[in-house]
Amino acid sequence: MSALVVGGHLVAGFGDSHRLAVLNTRSGELEWVYEVGGILNTSAIFVDWKIIIGCDDGYVYCFA
């Protein structure tokens, strides 16, 4: 997956570990991590203040 930069935050998926992470681009600190049920096989998109990403577990995840 590709990384996504939104409002001073880097959204990146680590497919092999099944984790989506949000890093603060100013401080470099990890702010948030969510573990999904499979490999993140799509790039995240940002729409209407939501992050949306697909996963090979058959789900599309949406974070507001």
Protein backbone atom coordinates (compact mmCIF):
# COMPACT_ATOMS: atom_id res chain seq x y z
CA MET A 1 0.00 0.00 0.00
CA SER A 2 1.03 3.59 -0.49
CA ALA A 3 1.38 6.06 2.33
CA LEU A 4 -1.12 8.90 2.69
CA VAL A 5 -0.40 12.31 4.24
CA VAL A 6 -3.38 14.05 5.84
CA GLY A 7 -3.18 17.24 7.90
CA GLY A 8 0.27 16.68 9.36
CA HIS A 9 -0.17 12.92 9.75
CA LEU A 10 1.24 10.02 7.76
CA VAL A 11 -1.11 7.07 7.34
CA ALA A 12 0.75 3.89 6.45
CA GLY A 13 -0.16 0.24 6.33
CA PHE A 14 2.21 -2.51 7.23
CA GLY A 15 0.65 -5.37 5.31
CA ASP A 16 2.75 -8.24 6.63
CA SER A 17 1.92 -7.28 10.21
CA HIS A 18 -1.72 -6.42 9.40
CA ARG A 19 -1.41 -2.96 10.95
CA LEU A 20 -2.51 0.50 9.90
CA ALA A 21 -0.55 3.24 11.65
CA VAL A 22 -0.82 7.01 11.94
CA LEU A 23 2.39 8.97 12.58
CA ASN A 24 2.72 12.65 13.41
CA THR A 25 4.85 14.19 10.64
CA ARG A 26 6.06 17.00 12.89
CA SER A 27 7.20 14.97 15.89
CA GLY A 28 7.70 11.59 14.21
CA GLU A 29 5.73 9.94 17.02
CA LEU A 30 3.35 7.05 16.50
CA GLU A 31 -0.12 8.31 17.40
CA TRP A 32 -2.40 5.41 16.57
CA VAL A 33 -2.29 1.77 15.40
CA TYR A 34 -5.10 -0.55 14.39
CA GLU A 35 -4.65 -4.23 13.59
CA VAL A 36 -6.87 -5.68 10.85
CA GLY A 37 -7.64 -9.30 10.05
CA GLY A 38 -5.44 -9.64 6.98
CA ILE A 39 -3.00 -8.01 4.61
CA LEU A 40 -3.74 -4.39 3.66
CA ASN A 41 -3.80 -4.76 -0.11
CA THR A 42 -5.04 -1.34 -1.21
CA SER A 43 -3.89 2.22 -0.74
CA ALA A 44 -5.74 4.26 1.85
CA ILE A 45 -7.92 7.13 0.67
CA PHE A 46 -9.15 10.19 2.56
CA VAL A 47 -12.77 11.21 1.93
CA ASP A 48 -15.07 13.43 4.02
CA TRP A 49 -12.68 13.34 6.99
CA LYS A 50 -12.53 9.54 6.91
CA ILE A 51 -9.68 7.14 6.08
CA ILE A 52 -10.85 4.16 4.01
CA ILE A 53 -8.76 1.08 3.18
CA GLY A 54 -9.39 -2.41 1.83
CA CYS A 55 -8.01 -5.62 3.28
CA ASP A 56 -7.71 -9.19 2.03
CA ASP A 57 -9.86 -10.37 4.94
CA GLY A 58 -12.82 -9.28 2.82
CA TYR A 59 -13.55 -6.05 4.68
CA VAL A 60 -13.25 -2.38 3.85
CA TYR A 61 -12.25 -0.42 6.95
CA CYS A 62 -13.38 3.16 7.57
CA PHE A 63 -11.90 5.33 10.32
CA ALA A 64 -13.36 8.70 11.26
